[in-house]
Amino acid sequence: MHADGAGTKSAIAYMMAQETGKDHFYQGIAQDSLVMNIDDLGCIGATDHFYLSNTIGRNAHRVSGAAIAEVIRGYDTCIEALGAHGVKVTMTGGETADVGDLVQTLIVDSTVTVRLPRREIIDVAQVKPGLAIVGLSSTGQTIYETKQNSGMSSNGLTASRHLLLHHDYLQRYPETVSSTLPDDKIYCGTYYLHDCLPQSELTVGEALLSPTRTYLPVLKSLLPKFREHIYGMVHCTGGGQVKCRDFGTGIHYIKDRLFPIPALFAAIFDLGEVPAAEMYQIFNMGHRLEIYCDEVVALDIIEHCRLFQLDAQVIGHTEKSKCGKNHVTICSELGNFKY
């Protein structure tokens, strides 16, 4: 059983809906809420027969029934797309609560349950020295997506929103801001939602709202072929590229062949408010799933990903830690960092 949600990404959906008068912007946060659960579960080897329950909390004076209908439509659309690639998700029900005293706009959370044979579980604690790290891109457009993905996922949205967006949005939508934040930290950027994101075909609003990519269609067909060569998988969400440090024993994770930094994260970094080392702790920076595998199958795994038009590459390797503790070294275009 796993619980997670779309986080503060729903505030951006709310703002986009208010700006345009179109409620369809709420659809994507259903996918965010679902994928943040099922892709975590995918990392232990679960790729099918998921049971979903959702919990929505809203301020009914600001978020209409039509908006909630779009959220539910988003769940249905995502579930249908997954089913077309052999990943079955059953919606078992849910709860929508009007909690305006607690919620200023909208919260979309999900709980997912799945069962699988113990022998099929992939235990990331088994990661060892001498493995290749294959990273699966968070950007581009796979065969199971309908549009380009910025790579945003559902982590770091509060920071992204306030760093990128113009201070005018505080006056327009004060309901999207915590009263505990100092004024100089609120919407302190230069962009409006409709502005073009530099080096991208997306607007800033579209990039921030880009639905969290699921890797389950890929894992569904990949694991039966390569499971015996895979020692662990990490979903680079909370903790970004340093999340792997929490797994295994006495492992030095070396990431020295990373993807180019996606346009959205480059725009955030270029504002100069987030140190380079911290960027890799907040954001996925180009790949959101890591497969720790025997080197002999790394290229085969990459080729399998390409069947889905999903970019993948060897982004690093594991070594034995000389200090006995887990640590991460990142060698990137922003510099070299140790965690």
Protein backbone atom coordinates (compact mmCIF):
# COMPACT_ATOMS: atom_id res chain seq x y z
CA MET A 1 0.00 0.00 0.00
CA HIS A 2 1.30 3.43 -0.94
CA ALA A 3 -0.04 6.96 -0.45
CA ASP A 4 1.04 10.18 -2.18
CA GLY A 5 -0.40 13.06 -4.16
CA ALA A 6 0.05 15.94 -6.59
CA GLY A 7 1.23 18.32 -3.87
CA THR A 8 1.14 22.03 -4.63
CA LYS A 9 0.97 21.38 -8.37
CA SER A 10 -2.78 21.75 -7.95
CA ALA A 11 -2.21 25.45 -7.19
CA ILE A 12 -0.79 25.89 -10.70
CA ALA A 13 -3.76 24.05 -12.21
CA TYR A 14 -6.02 26.42 -10.26
CA MET A 15 -4.15 29.47 -11.55
CA MET A 16 -4.23 28.25 -15.15
CA ALA A 17 -7.95 27.54 -14.90
CA GLN A 18 -8.59 31.00 -13.45
CA GLU A 19 -6.47 32.69 -16.12
CA THR A 20 -8.17 30.92 -19.03
CA GLY A 21 -11.62 30.00 -17.74
CA LYS A 22 -10.91 26.38 -18.73
CA ASP A 23 -11.19 23.60 -16.17
CA HIS A 24 -9.36 20.98 -18.26
CA PHE A 25 -6.09 22.09 -16.65
CA TYR A 26 -7.15 20.08 -13.60
CA GLN A 27 -6.95 16.78 -15.50
CA GLY A 28 -3.18 16.40 -15.33
CA ILE A 29 -2.95 16.57 -11.55
CA ALA A 30 -4.92 13.32 -11.36
CA GLN A 31 -2.11 11.66 -13.31
CA ASP A 32 0.43 13.30 -11.00
CA SER A 33 -1.33 11.92 -7.95
CA LEU A 34 -1.61 8.43 -9.41
CA VAL A 35 1.88 8.15 -10.90
CA MET A 36 3.61 9.31 -7.74
CA ASN A 37 2.20 6.14 -6.20
CA ILE A 38 2.37 3.52 -8.91
CA ASP A 39 5.88 4.38 -10.07
CA ASP A 40 7.18 4.11 -6.51
CA LEU A 41 5.56 0.68 -6.41
CA GLY A 42 7.02 -0.10 -9.81
CA CYS A 43 10.47 0.27 -8.28
CA ILE A 44 9.88 -2.85 -6.16
CA GLY A 45 8.74 -4.79 -9.23
CA ALA A 46 4.97 -4.21 -9.17
CA THR A 47 3.67 -3.46 -12.67
CA ASP A 48 0.04 -4.61 -12.76
CA HIS A 49 -3.23 -5.09 -10.85
CA PHE A 50 -3.19 -1.85 -8.87
CA TYR A 51 -6.19 -0.77 -6.80
CA LEU A 52 -6.70 2.97 -6.47
CA SER A 53 -8.62 5.13 -4.04
CA ASN A 54 -8.42 8.91 -4.27
CA THR A 55 -8.97 11.63 -1.67
CA ILE A 56 -9.77 15.16 -2.82
CA GLY A 57 -10.04 18.12 -0.48
CA ARG A 58 -11.32 21.38 -1.92
CA ASN A 59 -12.54 24.85 -1.15
CA ALA A 60 -15.95 24.62 -2.80
CA HIS A 61 -16.23 28.41 -3.12
CA ARG A 62 -13.22 28.46 -5.45
CA VAL A 63 -13.07 24.98 -7.01
CA SER A 64 -16.32 24.03 -8.71
CA GLY A 65 -17.96 20.69 -9.26
CA ALA A 66 -17.00 21.00 -12.93
CA ALA A 67 -13.35 21.26 -11.88
CA ILE A 68 -13.67 18.11 -9.77
CA ALA A 69 -15.25 16.36 -12.76
CA GLU A 70 -12.11 17.21 -14.74
CA VAL A 71 -9.92 15.68 -12.02
CA ILE A 72 -11.95 12.46 -12.18
CA ARG A 73 -11.76 12.56 -15.98
CA GLY A 74 -7.99 12.84 -15.61
CA TYR A 75 -7.89 9.68 -13.51
CA ASP A 76 -10.02 7.84 -16.07
CA THR A 77 -7.88 8.98 -19.00
CA CYS A 78 -4.64 7.96 -17.31
CA ILE A 79 -6.04 4.58 -16.26
CA GLU A 80 -7.26 3.94 -19.81
CA ALA A 81 -3.85 4.81 -21.28
CA LEU A 82 -2.08 2.51 -18.82
CA GLY A 83 -4.51 -0.29 -19.63
CA ALA A 84 -3.69 0.02 -23.32
CA HIS A 85 -0.12 -0.94 -22.41
CA GLY A 86 -1.01 -3.85 -20.17
CA VAL A 87 -0.98 -2.04 -16.82
CA LYS A 88 -4.33 -2.51 -15.07
CA VAL A 89 -5.42 0.04 -12.48
CA THR A 90 -8.84 -0.41 -10.87
CA MET A 91 -10.53 2.65 -9.41
CA THR A 92 -12.21 1.42 -6.23
CA GLY A 93 -13.76 4.71 -5.18
CA GLY A 94 -12.71 7.78 -3.28
CA GLU A 95 -13.72 10.78 -1.22
CA THR A 96 -14.25 14.42 -2.15
CA ALA A 97 -14.49 16.64 0.90
CA ASP A 98 -15.44 20.31 1.08
CA VAL A 99 -12.94 21.56 3.65
CA GLY A 100 -12.70 25.27 2.94
CA ASP A 101 -11.60 26.05 6.50
CA LEU A 102 -8.48 23.95 5.88
CA VAL A 103 -7.84 24.11 2.13
CA GLN A 104 -7.64 27.33 0.11
CA THR A 105 -7.90 25.68 -3.32
CA LEU A 106 -7.48 21.95 -3.96
CA ILE A 107 -5.59 18.88 -2.73
CA VAL A 108 -5.53 15.69 -4.82
CA ASP A 109 -4.14 12.60 -3.08
CA SER A 110 -4.22 8.90 -3.90
CA THR A 111 -3.71 5.59 -2.15
CA VAL A 112 -2.74 2.53 -4.19
CA THR A 113 -2.67 -1.12 -3.14
CA VAL A 114 -0.98 -3.95 -5.04
CA ARG A 115 0.04 -7.56 -4.41
CA LEU A 116 2.81 -9.55 -6.06
CA PRO A 117 4.71 -12.77 -5.34
CA ARG A 118 7.56 -12.30 -2.89
CA ARG A 119 9.97 -13.83 -5.41
CA GLU A 120 9.26 -10.96 -7.82
CA ILE A 121 10.08 -8.18 -5.37
CA ILE A 122 13.12 -6.08 -6.27
CA ASP A 123 14.81 -4.96 -3.05
CA VAL A 124 16.93 -1.85 -3.60
CA ALA A 125 18.81 -2.73 -0.41
CA GLN A 126 20.62 -5.31 -2.57
CA VAL A 127 22.41 -2.64 -4.61
CA LYS A 128 26.13 -3.43 -4.59
CA PRO A 129 29.41 -2.05 -5.99
CA GLY A 130 30.15 -2.65 -9.66
CA LEU A 131 26.70 -1.95 -11.09
CA ALA A 132 25.76 0.28 -13.99
CA ILE A 133 23.17 2.99 -13.34
CA VAL A 134 20.75 3.38 -16.24
CA GLY A 135 18.76 6.61 -16.12
CA LEU A 136 15.36 6.92 -17.80
CA SER A 137 14.69 10.40 -19.14
CA SER A 138 11.98 12.58 -17.62
CA THR A 139 11.59 14.70 -20.78
CA GLY A 140 10.53 14.31 -24.41
CA GLN A 141 7.49 12.37 -25.63
CA THR A 142 7.06 8.62 -25.37
CA ILE A 143 4.70 6.58 -27.52
CA TYR A 144 2.18 6.51 -24.68
CA GLU A 145 2.14 10.29 -24.13
CA THR A 146 0.10 12.80 -26.12
CA LYS A 147 2.44 15.79 -25.76
CA GLN A 148 5.96 16.85 -24.86
CA ASN A 149 6.89 16.40 -21.20
CA SER A 150 8.98 19.06 -19.44
CA GLY A 151 10.21 16.57 -16.82
CA MET A 152 8.66 18.44 -13.89
CA SER A 153 6.96 15.55 -12.04
CA SER A 154 5.42 16.50 -8.65
CA ASN A 155 8.42 17.53 -6.58
CA GLY A 156 9.80 21.00 -6.03
CA LEU A 157 6.62 22.69 -7.23
CA THR A 158 6.46 25.21 -4.39
CA ALA A 159 10.02 26.33 -5.08
CA SER A 160 9.50 26.32 -8.86
CA ARG A 161 6.30 28.33 -8.70
CA HIS A 162 7.65 31.05 -6.44
CA LEU A 163 11.05 31.26 -8.15
CA LEU A 164 9.70 31.47 -11.70
CA LEU A 165 6.41 33.37 -11.49
CA HIS A 166 5.97 37.14 -11.29
CA HIS A 167 5.00 38.89 -8.06
CA ASP A 168 1.78 40.06 -9.73
CA TYR A 169 0.33 36.64 -9.01
CA LEU A 170 0.29 37.39 -5.29
CA GLN A 171 -2.29 40.11 -5.88
CA ARG A 172 -4.22 38.00 -8.38
CA TYR A 173 -4.30 34.75 -6.44
CA PRO A 174 -3.42 35.27 -2.76
CA GLU A 175 -5.29 32.02 -2.05
CA THR A 176 -2.38 30.11 -3.64
CA VAL A 177 0.07 31.32 -1.01
CA SER A 178 0.73 30.35 2.59
CA SER A 179 0.25 33.23 5.01
CA THR A 180 3.44 32.14 6.78
CA LEU A 181 5.72 32.93 3.82
CA PRO A 182 7.62 36.24 3.85
CA ASP A 183 6.57 38.59 1.06
CA ASP A 184 10.00 38.63 -0.58
CA LYS A 185 9.85 34.85 -1.07
CA ILE A 186 6.46 34.86 -2.79
CA TYR A 187 6.29 34.83 -6.59
CA CYS A 188 9.65 36.52 -6.94
CA GLY A 189 10.36 35.55 -10.56
CA THR A 190 10.04 37.25 -13.93
CA TYR A 191 7.69 34.94 -15.81
CA TYR A 192 3.97 34.88 -16.46
CA LEU A 193 2.19 31.57 -17.04
CA HIS A 194 1.63 32.36 -20.73
CA ASP A 195 5.28 33.28 -21.40
CA CYS A 196 7.33 30.95 -23.57
CA LEU A 197 9.82 28.90 -21.58
CA PRO A 198 13.32 29.58 -22.96
CA GLN A 199 14.73 26.74 -25.10
CA SER A 200 11.34 24.99 -25.12
CA GLU A 201 8.16 24.70 -27.17
CA LEU A 202 6.11 24.95 -23.97
CA THR A 203 4.85 27.95 -22.05
CA VAL A 204 5.95 28.33 -18.45
CA GLY A 205 2.49 27.27 -17.27
CA GLU A 206 2.47 24.21 -19.52
CA ALA A 207 5.94 23.20 -18.38
CA LEU A 208 5.07 23.50 -14.70
CA LEU A 209 1.84 21.54 -15.22
CA SER A 210 3.40 18.84 -17.42
CA PRO A 211 1.97 15.57 -16.01
CA THR A 212 4.33 13.30 -14.12
CA ARG A 213 5.56 10.67 -16.57
CA THR A 214 4.89 7.06 -15.72
CA TYR A 215 7.49 4.44 -16.59
CA LEU A 216 5.21 1.48 -15.94
CA PRO A 217 4.49 0.63 -19.60
CA VAL A 218 8.26 0.27 -20.03
CA LEU A 219 8.83 -1.67 -16.80
CA LYS A 220 5.90 -3.98 -17.57
CA SER A 221 7.73 -5.46 -20.56
CA LEU A 222 11.29 -4.84 -19.38
CA LEU A 223 11.28 -6.65 -16.04
CA PRO A 224 10.40 -10.14 -17.33
CA LYS A 225 13.47 -9.97 -19.57
CA PHE A 226 16.01 -8.42 -17.20
CA ARG A 227 14.77 -8.93 -13.63
CA GLU A 228 17.59 -11.32 -12.65
CA HIS A 229 20.16 -8.66 -13.62
CA ILE A 230 18.45 -5.79 -11.75
CA TYR A 231 19.40 -5.16 -8.12
CA GLY A 232 17.30 -2.10 -7.47
CA MET A 233 15.40 0.84 -8.93
CA VAL A 234 15.11 4.35 -7.54
CA HIS A 235 12.33 6.83 -8.31
CA CYS A 236 14.16 10.17 -8.15
CA THR A 237 11.35 12.19 -6.59
CA GLY A 238 11.87 13.59 -3.07
CA GLY A 239 15.63 14.05 -2.76
CA GLY A 240 16.22 14.23 -6.50
CA GLN A 241 19.54 12.80 -7.62
CA VAL A 242 20.62 12.22 -4.03
CA LYS A 243 17.69 9.97 -3.09
CA CYS A 244 19.75 6.86 -3.90
CA ARG A 245 21.96 7.58 -0.89
CA ASP A 246 19.22 6.17 1.35
CA PHE A 247 19.57 2.67 -0.12
CA GLY A 248 22.14 -0.08 0.04
CA THR A 249 25.07 -0.31 2.46
CA GLY A 250 28.54 1.11 1.96
CA ILE A 251 27.84 2.32 -1.58
CA HIS A 252 29.49 5.19 -3.42
CA TYR A 253 27.05 6.33 -6.11
CA ILE A 254 28.94 8.04 -8.93
CA LYS A 255 26.84 9.94 -11.48
CA ASP A 256 29.14 11.37 -14.11
CA ARG A 257 27.23 11.00 -17.40
CA LEU A 258 23.98 12.81 -16.72
CA PHE A 259 21.43 13.97 -19.26
CA PRO A 260 21.58 17.61 -20.42
CA ILE A 261 19.68 19.82 -17.99
CA PRO A 262 16.05 20.23 -19.18
CA ALA A 263 14.87 23.71 -20.12
CA LEU A 264 12.59 24.10 -17.09
CA PHE A 265 15.30 23.34 -14.55
CA ALA A 266 17.79 25.50 -16.46
CA ALA A 267 15.36 28.42 -16.26
CA ILE A 268 15.01 27.93 -12.50
CA PHE A 269 18.79 27.76 -12.02
CA ASP A 270 19.42 30.80 -14.22
CA LEU A 271 17.40 32.95 -11.81
CA GLY A 272 20.31 32.57 -9.39
CA GLU A 273 18.31 31.77 -6.27
CA VAL A 274 19.14 28.05 -5.92
CA PRO A 275 22.76 26.87 -5.55
CA ALA A 276 23.85 24.32 -8.14
CA ALA A 277 24.42 21.58 -5.56
CA GLU A 278 20.92 22.10 -4.19
CA MET A 279 19.32 21.83 -7.64
CA TYR A 280 20.30 18.14 -7.72
CA GLN A 281 18.69 17.60 -4.31
CA ILE A 282 15.37 19.19 -5.26
CA PHE A 283 14.79 18.27 -8.91
CA ASN A 284 15.34 15.18 -11.05
CA MET A 285 17.43 17.29 -13.47
CA GLY A 286 16.73 15.11 -16.49
CA HIS A 287 16.01 11.55 -15.40
CA ARG A 288 13.48 10.38 -12.82
CA LEU A 289 14.02 6.62 -12.74
CA GLU A 290 17.26 4.75 -12.16
CA ILE A 291 17.87 1.06 -12.81
CA TYR A 292 20.83 -0.51 -11.01
CA CYS A 293 21.89 -3.46 -13.12
CA ASP A 294 24.73 -5.66 -14.28
CA GLU A 295 26.79 -3.81 -16.88
CA VAL A 296 26.30 -6.65 -19.36
CA VAL A 297 22.59 -5.81 -19.80
CA ALA A 298 22.76 -2.00 -19.58
CA LEU A 299 22.76 -1.42 -23.34
CA ASP A 300 19.96 -3.94 -23.85
CA ILE A 301 17.84 -2.11 -21.27
CA ILE A 302 18.53 1.17 -23.07
CA GLU A 303 17.48 -0.32 -26.40
CA HIS A 304 14.29 -1.67 -24.81
CA CYS A 305 13.42 1.83 -23.58
CA ARG A 306 13.86 3.19 -27.09
CA LEU A 307 11.04 0.93 -28.27
CA PHE A 308 8.82 3.35 -26.34
CA GLN A 309 10.67 6.42 -27.68
CA LEU A 310 11.99 6.87 -24.15
CA ASP A 311 15.54 8.16 -23.93
CA ALA A 312 17.78 6.20 -21.58
CA GLN A 313 21.51 6.11 -20.96
CA VAL A 314 24.12 4.90 -18.51
CA ILE A 315 24.42 7.88 -16.16
CA GLY A 316 26.93 6.41 -13.73
CA HIS A 317 27.97 3.40 -11.68
CA THR A 318 28.38 2.15 -8.12
CA GLU A 319 31.60 1.57 -6.21
CA LYS A 320 32.46 0.41 -2.71
CA SER A 321 32.48 3.34 -0.32
CA LYS A 322 35.93 3.91 1.18
CA CYS A 323 34.42 5.50 4.29
CA GLY A 324 31.87 2.72 4.77
CA LYS A 325 28.91 5.09 4.47
CA ASN A 326 26.69 5.72 1.49
CA HIS A 327 27.53 8.85 -0.44
CA VAL A 328 26.89 10.37 -3.86
CA THR A 329 29.24 12.11 -6.27
CA ILE A 330 27.71 14.12 -9.11
CA CYS A 331 29.84 15.37 -11.99
CA SER A 332 27.67 17.68 -14.06
CA GLU A 333 27.64 20.70 -16.33
CA LEU A 334 26.97 22.81 -13.22
CA GLY A 335 30.00 21.43 -11.38
CA ASN A 336 31.10 18.51 -9.24
CA PHE A 337 29.31 17.86 -5.95
CA LYS A 338 29.57 15.39 -3.09
CA TYR A 339 26.66 14.46 -0.82
